[in-house]
């Protein structure tokens, strides 16, 4: 079975929020922070890390 990486991450996030129950402001801050980091100078490092993770989970 081939599962898209974004779907896998979304499932893990939903399970994590249900189990850990972090405050809503923290979830929103992490989402906004990740969105802003995607256009920063750190984007190439993040992209390389996610590609490597994708290769590990989807050989």
PDB file of N, CA and C in Angstrom:
ATOM      1  N   UNK A   1       0.852  -1.172   0.000  1.00  0.00           N
ATOM      2  CA  UNK A   1       0.000   0.000   0.000  1.00  0.00           C
ATOM      3  C   UNK A   1       0.897   1.234   0.000  1.00  0.00           C
ATOM      4  N   UNK A   2       0.578   2.187  -0.843  1.00  0.00           N
ATOM      5  CA  UNK A   2       1.339   3.424  -0.963  1.00  0.00           C
ATOM      6  C   UNK A   2       0.550   4.563  -0.323  1.00  0.00           C
ATOM      7  N   UNK A   3       1.050   5.090   0.786  1.00  0.00           N
ATOM      8  CA  UNK A   3       0.374   6.178   1.491  1.00  0.00           C
ATOM      9  C   UNK A   3       1.167   7.461   1.269  1.00  0.00           C
ATOM     10  N   UNK A   4       0.472   8.554   0.870  1.00  0.00           N
ATOM     11  CA  UNK A   4       1.188   9.825   0.704  1.00  0.00           C
ATOM     12  C   UNK A   4       1.794  10.291   2.032  1.00  0.00           C
ATOM     13  N   UNK A   5       2.964  10.912   1.930  1.00  0.00           N
ATOM     14  CA  UNK A   5       3.669  11.345   3.136  1.00  0.00           C
ATOM     15  C   UNK A   5       2.851  12.358   3.927  1.00  0.00           C
ATOM     16  N   UNK A   6       2.164  13.280   3.241  1.00  0.00           N
ATOM     17  CA  UNK A   6       1.368  14.294   3.935  1.00  0.00           C
ATOM     18  C   UNK A   6       0.228  13.646   4.724  1.00  0.00           C
ATOM     19  N   UNK A   7      -0.338  12.565   4.191  1.00  0.00           N
ATOM     20  CA  UNK A   7      -1.418  11.875   4.902  1.00  0.00           C
ATOM     21  C   UNK A   7      -0.896  11.189   6.155  1.00  0.00           C
ATOM     22  N   UNK A   8       0.271  10.589   6.051  1.00  0.00           N
ATOM     23  CA  UNK A   8       0.903   9.942   7.202  1.00  0.00           C
ATOM     24  C   UNK A   8       1.186  10.955   8.315  1.00  0.00           C
ATOM     25  N   UNK A   9       1.757  12.108   7.941  1.00  0.00           N
ATOM     26  CA  UNK A   9       2.064  13.144   8.925  1.00  0.00           C
ATOM     27  C   UNK A   9       0.784  13.686   9.560  1.00  0.00           C
ATOM     28  N   UNK A  10      -0.266  13.857   8.757  1.00  0.00           N
ATOM     29  CA  UNK A  10      -1.541  14.345   9.285  1.00  0.00           C
ATOM     30  C   UNK A  10      -2.122  13.365  10.294  1.00  0.00           C
ATOM     31  N   UNK A  11      -2.059  12.081   9.992  1.00  0.00           N
ATOM     32  CA  UNK A  11      -2.567  11.063  10.930  1.00  0.00           C
ATOM     33  C   UNK A  11      -1.785  11.081  12.239  1.00  0.00           C
ATOM     34  N   UNK A  12      -0.474  11.166  12.149  1.00  0.00           N
ATOM     35  CA  UNK A  12       0.355  11.218  13.355  1.00  0.00           C
ATOM     36  C   UNK A  12       0.030  12.473  14.164  1.00  0.00           C
ATOM     37  N   UNK A  13      -0.179  13.600  13.488  1.00  0.00           N
ATOM     38  CA  UNK A  13      -0.508  14.853  14.180  1.00  0.00           C
ATOM     39  C   UNK A  13      -1.849  14.752  14.896  1.00  0.00           C
ATOM     40  N   UNK A  14      -2.841  14.184  14.241  1.00  0.00           N
ATOM     41  CA  UNK A  14      -4.163  14.050  14.865  1.00  0.00           C
ATOM     42  C   UNK A  14      -4.081  13.152  16.090  1.00  0.00           C
ATOM     43  N   UNK A  15      -3.385  12.048  15.977  1.00  0.00           N
ATOM     44  CA  UNK A  15      -3.238  11.143  17.119  1.00  0.00           C
ATOM     45  C   UNK A  15      -2.478  11.835  18.251  1.00  0.00           C
ATOM     46  N   UNK A  16      -1.421  12.575  17.894  1.00  0.00           N
ATOM     47  CA  UNK A  16      -0.650  13.286  18.916  1.00  0.00           C
ATOM     48  C   UNK A  16      -1.462  14.340  19.638  1.00  0.00           C
ATOM     49  N   UNK A  17      -2.281  15.083  18.899  1.00  0.00           N
ATOM     50  CA  UNK A  17      -3.108  16.120  19.536  1.00  0.00           C
ATOM     51  C   UNK A  17      -4.146  15.476  20.446  1.00  0.00           C
ATOM     52  N   UNK A  18      -4.722  14.363  20.023  1.00  0.00           N
ATOM     53  CA  UNK A  18      -5.728  13.694  20.854  1.00  0.00           C
ATOM     54  C   UNK A  18      -5.110  13.091  22.125  1.00  0.00           C
ATOM     55  N   UNK A  19      -3.891  12.555  22.010  1.00  0.00           N
ATOM     56  CA  UNK A  19      -3.276  11.912  23.172  1.00  0.00           C
ATOM     57  C   UNK A  19      -2.635  12.917  24.135  1.00  0.00           C
ATOM     58  N   UNK A  20      -1.917  13.887  23.592  1.00  0.00           N
ATOM     59  CA  UNK A  20      -1.161  14.814  24.436  1.00  0.00           C
ATOM     60  C   UNK A  20      -2.013  16.001  24.869  1.00  0.00           C
ATOM     61  N   UNK A  21      -2.986  16.396  24.049  1.00  0.00           N
ATOM     62  CA  UNK A  21      -3.865  17.534  24.296  1.00  0.00           C
ATOM     63  C   UNK A  21      -3.099  18.826  24.569  1.00  0.00           C
ATOM     64  N   UNK A  22      -2.278  19.265  23.602  1.00  0.00           N
ATOM     65  CA  UNK A  22      -1.573  20.534  23.783  1.00  0.00           C
ATOM     66  C   UNK A  22      -2.561  21.693  23.658  1.00  0.00           C
ATOM     67  N   UNK A  23      -2.222  22.857  24.189  1.00  0.00           N
ATOM     68  CA  UNK A  23      -3.115  24.005  24.043  1.00  0.00           C
ATOM     69  C   UNK A  23      -3.232  24.417  22.569  1.00  0.00           C
ATOM     70  N   UNK A  24      -4.382  24.952  22.214  1.00  0.00           N
ATOM     71  CA  UNK A  24      -4.640  25.332  20.828  1.00  0.00           C
ATOM     72  C   UNK A  24      -3.644  26.376  20.336  1.00  0.00           C
ATOM     73  N   UNK A  25      -3.237  27.308  21.217  1.00  0.00           N
ATOM     74  CA  UNK A  25      -2.309  28.353  20.793  1.00  0.00           C
ATOM     75  C   UNK A  25      -0.960  27.752  20.392  1.00  0.00           C
ATOM     76  N   UNK A  26      -0.553  26.651  21.054  1.00  0.00           N
ATOM     77  CA  UNK A  26       0.717  26.011  20.723  1.00  0.00           C
ATOM     78  C   UNK A  26       0.647  25.335  19.353  1.00  0.00           C
ATOM     79  N   UNK A  27      -0.464  24.675  19.078  1.00  0.00           N
ATOM     80  CA  UNK A  27      -0.647  24.032  17.776  1.00  0.00           C
ATOM     81  C   UNK A  27      -0.619  25.085  16.673  1.00  0.00           C
ATOM     82  N   UNK A  28      -1.327  26.192  16.874  1.00  0.00           N
ATOM     83  CA  UNK A  28      -1.366  27.261  15.873  1.00  0.00           C
ATOM     84  C   UNK A  28       0.014  27.892  15.700  1.00  0.00           C
ATOM     85  N   UNK A  29       0.731  28.105  16.805  1.00  0.00           N
ATOM     86  CA  UNK A  29       2.068  28.700  16.720  1.00  0.00           C
ATOM     87  C   UNK A  29       3.029  27.793  15.949  1.00  0.00           C
ATOM     88  N   UNK A  30       2.953  26.484  16.154  1.00  0.00           N
ATOM     89  CA  UNK A  30       3.818  25.557  15.420  1.00  0.00           C
ATOM     90  C   UNK A  30       3.478  25.520  13.940  1.00  0.00           C
ATOM     91  N   UNK A  31       2.191  25.572  13.619  1.00  0.00           N
ATOM     92  CA  UNK A  31       1.795  25.580  12.208  1.00  0.00           C
ATOM     93  C   UNK A  31       2.252  26.853  11.511  1.00  0.00           C
ATOM     94  N   UNK A  32       2.045  27.995  12.151  1.00  0.00           N
ATOM     95  CA  UNK A  32       2.478  29.262  11.555  1.00  0.00           C
ATOM     96  C   UNK A  32       4.005  29.309  11.459  1.00  0.00           C
ATOM     97  N   UNK A  33       4.692  28.840  12.493  1.00  0.00           N
ATOM     98  CA  UNK A  33       6.158  28.811  12.471  1.00  0.00           C
ATOM     99  C   UNK A  33       6.684  27.939  11.353  1.00  0.00           C
ATOM    100  N   UNK A  34       6.085  26.785  11.141  1.00  0.00           N
ATOM    101  CA  UNK A  34       6.505  25.915  10.046  1.00  0.00           C
ATOM    102  C   UNK A  34       6.250  26.540   8.696  1.00  0.00           C
ATOM    103  N   UNK A  35       5.119  27.231   8.567  1.00  0.00           N
ATOM    104  CA  UNK A  35       4.810  27.920   7.312  1.00  0.00           C
ATOM    105  C   UNK A  35       5.829  29.011   7.025  1.00  0.00           C
ATOM    106  N   UNK A  36       6.212  29.765   8.048  1.00  0.00           N
ATOM    107  CA  UNK A  36       7.184  30.840   7.857  1.00  0.00           C
ATOM    108  C   UNK A  36       8.589  30.286   7.588  1.00  0.00           C
ATOM    109  N   UNK A  37       8.943  29.170   8.225  1.00  0.00           N
ATOM    110  CA  UNK A  37      10.251  28.561   7.979  1.00  0.00           C
ATOM    111  C   UNK A  37      10.378  28.023   6.556  1.00  0.00           C
ATOM    112  N   UNK A  38       9.262  27.681   5.940  1.00  0.00           N
ATOM    113  CA  UNK A  38       9.300  27.124   4.591  1.00  0.00           C
ATOM    114  C   UNK A  38       9.841  28.126   3.577  1.00  0.00           C
ATOM    115  N   UNK A  39       9.723  29.426   3.861  1.00  0.00           N
ATOM    116  CA  UNK A  39      10.228  30.451   2.944  1.00  0.00           C
ATOM    117  C   UNK A  39      11.500  31.111   3.456  1.00  0.00           C
ATOM    118  N   UNK A  40      12.129  30.545   4.472  1.00  0.00           N
ATOM    119  CA  UNK A  40      13.317  31.160   5.038  1.00  0.00           C
ATOM    120  C   UNK A  40      14.584  30.539   4.446  1.00  0.00           C
ATOM    121  N   UNK A  41      15.721  30.987   4.940  1.00  0.00           N
ATOM    122  CA  UNK A  41      17.000  30.439   4.479  1.00  0.00           C
ATOM    123  C   UNK A  41      17.208  29.010   4.962  1.00  0.00           C
ATOM    124  N   UNK A  42      16.390  28.552   5.896  1.00  0.00           N
ATOM    125  CA  UNK A  42      16.494  27.180   6.390  1.00  0.00           C
ATOM    126  C   UNK A  42      15.730  26.183   5.514  1.00  0.00           C
ATOM    127  N   UNK A  43      14.987  26.680   4.533  1.00  0.00           N
ATOM    128  CA  UNK A  43      14.159  25.818   3.701  1.00  0.00           C
ATOM    129  C   UNK A  43      14.937  24.687   3.021  1.00  0.00           C
ATOM    130  N   UNK A  44      16.142  24.946   2.467  1.00  0.00           N
ATOM    131  CA  UNK A  44      16.867  23.821   1.837  1.00  0.00           C
ATOM    132  C   UNK A  44      17.199  22.694   2.824  1.00  0.00           C
ATOM    133  N   UNK A  45      17.544  23.054   4.050  1.00  0.00           N
ATOM    134  CA  UNK A  45      17.854  22.023   5.048  1.00  0.00           C
ATOM    135  C   UNK A  45      16.600  21.238   5.424  1.00  0.00           C
ATOM    136  N   UNK A  46      15.487  21.931   5.552  1.00  0.00           N
ATOM    137  CA  UNK A  46      14.221  21.266   5.876  1.00  0.00           C
ATOM    138  C   UNK A  46      13.811  20.354   4.731  1.00  0.00           C
ATOM    139  N   UNK A  47      13.960  20.831   3.501  1.00  0.00           N
ATOM    140  CA  UNK A  47      13.596  20.044   2.323  1.00  0.00           C
ATOM    141  C   UNK A  47      14.432  18.777   2.234  1.00  0.00           C
ATOM    142  N   UNK A  48      15.728  18.892   2.465  1.00  0.00           N
ATOM    143  CA  UNK A  48      16.609  17.724   2.434  1.00  0.00           C
ATOM    144  C   UNK A  48      16.221  16.729   3.524  1.00  0.00           C
ATOM    145  N   UNK A  49      15.902  17.238   4.706  1.00  0.00           N
ATOM    146  CA  UNK A  49      15.512  16.359   5.806  1.00  0.00           C
ATOM    147  C   UNK A  49      14.223  15.614   5.533  1.00  0.00           C
ATOM    148  N   UNK A  50      13.244  16.298   4.945  1.00  0.00           N
ATOM    149  CA  UNK A  50      11.986  15.612   4.652  1.00  0.00           C
ATOM    150  C   UNK A  50      12.132  14.628   3.503  1.00  0.00           C
ATOM    151  N   UNK A  51      12.991  14.930   2.529  1.00  0.00           N
ATOM    152  CA  UNK A  51      13.230  13.977   1.445  1.00  0.00           C
ATOM    153  C   UNK A  51      13.902  12.717   1.972  1.00  0.00           C
ATOM    154  N   UNK A  52      14.856  12.904   2.876  1.00  0.00           N
ATOM    155  CA  UNK A  52      15.540  11.749   3.460  1.00  0.00           C
ATOM    156  C   UNK A  52      14.557  10.921   4.282  1.00  0.00           C
ATOM    157  N   UNK A  53      13.705  11.595   5.055  1.00  0.00           N
ATOM    158  CA  UNK A  53      12.692  10.878   5.827  1.00  0.00           C
ATOM    159  C   UNK A  53      11.712  10.138   4.943  1.00  0.00           C
ATOM    160  N   UNK A  54      11.350  10.753   3.827  1.00  0.00           N
ATOM    161  CA  UNK A  54      10.455  10.092   2.887  1.00  0.00           C
ATOM    162  C   UNK A  54      11.083   8.867   2.265  1.00  0.00           C
ATOM    163  N   UNK A  55      12.376   8.947   1.984  1.00  0.00           N
ATOM    164  CA  UNK A  55      13.070   7.782   1.420  1.00  0.00           C
ATOM    165  C   UNK A  55      13.158   6.647   2.437  1.00  0.00           C
ATOM    166  N   UNK A  56      13.278   6.992   3.702  1.00  0.00           N
ATOM    167  CA  UNK A  56      13.353   5.963   4.731  1.00  0.00           C
ATOM    168  C   UNK A  56      11.999   5.274   4.898  1.00  0.00           C
ATOM    169  N   UNK A  57      10.917   6.080   4.910  1.00  0.00           N
ATOM    170  CA  UNK A  57       9.597   5.486   5.113  1.00  0.00           C
ATOM    171  C   UNK A  57       9.025   4.861   3.853  1.00  0.00           C
ATOM    172  N   UNK A  58       9.466   5.341   2.673  1.00  0.00           N
ATOM    173  CA  UNK A  58       8.982   4.803   1.397  1.00  0.00           C
ATOM    174  C   UNK A  58      10.174   4.322   0.557  1.00  0.00           C
ATOM    175  N   UNK A  59      10.726   3.161   0.887  1.00  0.00           N
ATOM    176  CA  UNK A  59      11.910   2.699   0.147  1.00  0.00           C
ATOM    177  C   UNK A  59      11.598   2.323  -1.284  1.00  0.00           C
TER     178      UNK A  59
END
